[in-house]
């Protein structure tokens, strides 16, 4: 649901900022090691999860009202990329006059 910032409704702008703030709170309060106790209570963590769910649901409603498809997926840093960069030096030139697919070499 990518739109230009100037064309987003005030409600949608609020939802975006709230999602970003909640995500930052979660990142900054999550202990570095799994063995450490989380500084937020279980109830607070559950409330944050509910907020994320409500924000996502409302964003979907707004997208449907605007006729926008919500088919974006998150991209993670450690996720393998679908495209690979090929250096131009590794591309071989064909001799002039040969057609692609007729490799007799």
Foldseek 3Di string as FASTA:
>chain_A
DDDPPVPDDPVLVVLVVVVVVLVVVCVVQDDPDPPDDGPDDPVVVVVSVVSVVVSVVVVVVVCVVVVHDDPDDDDDPPDDDPDDDDDPVPDDDDPPPDDPPPDPD
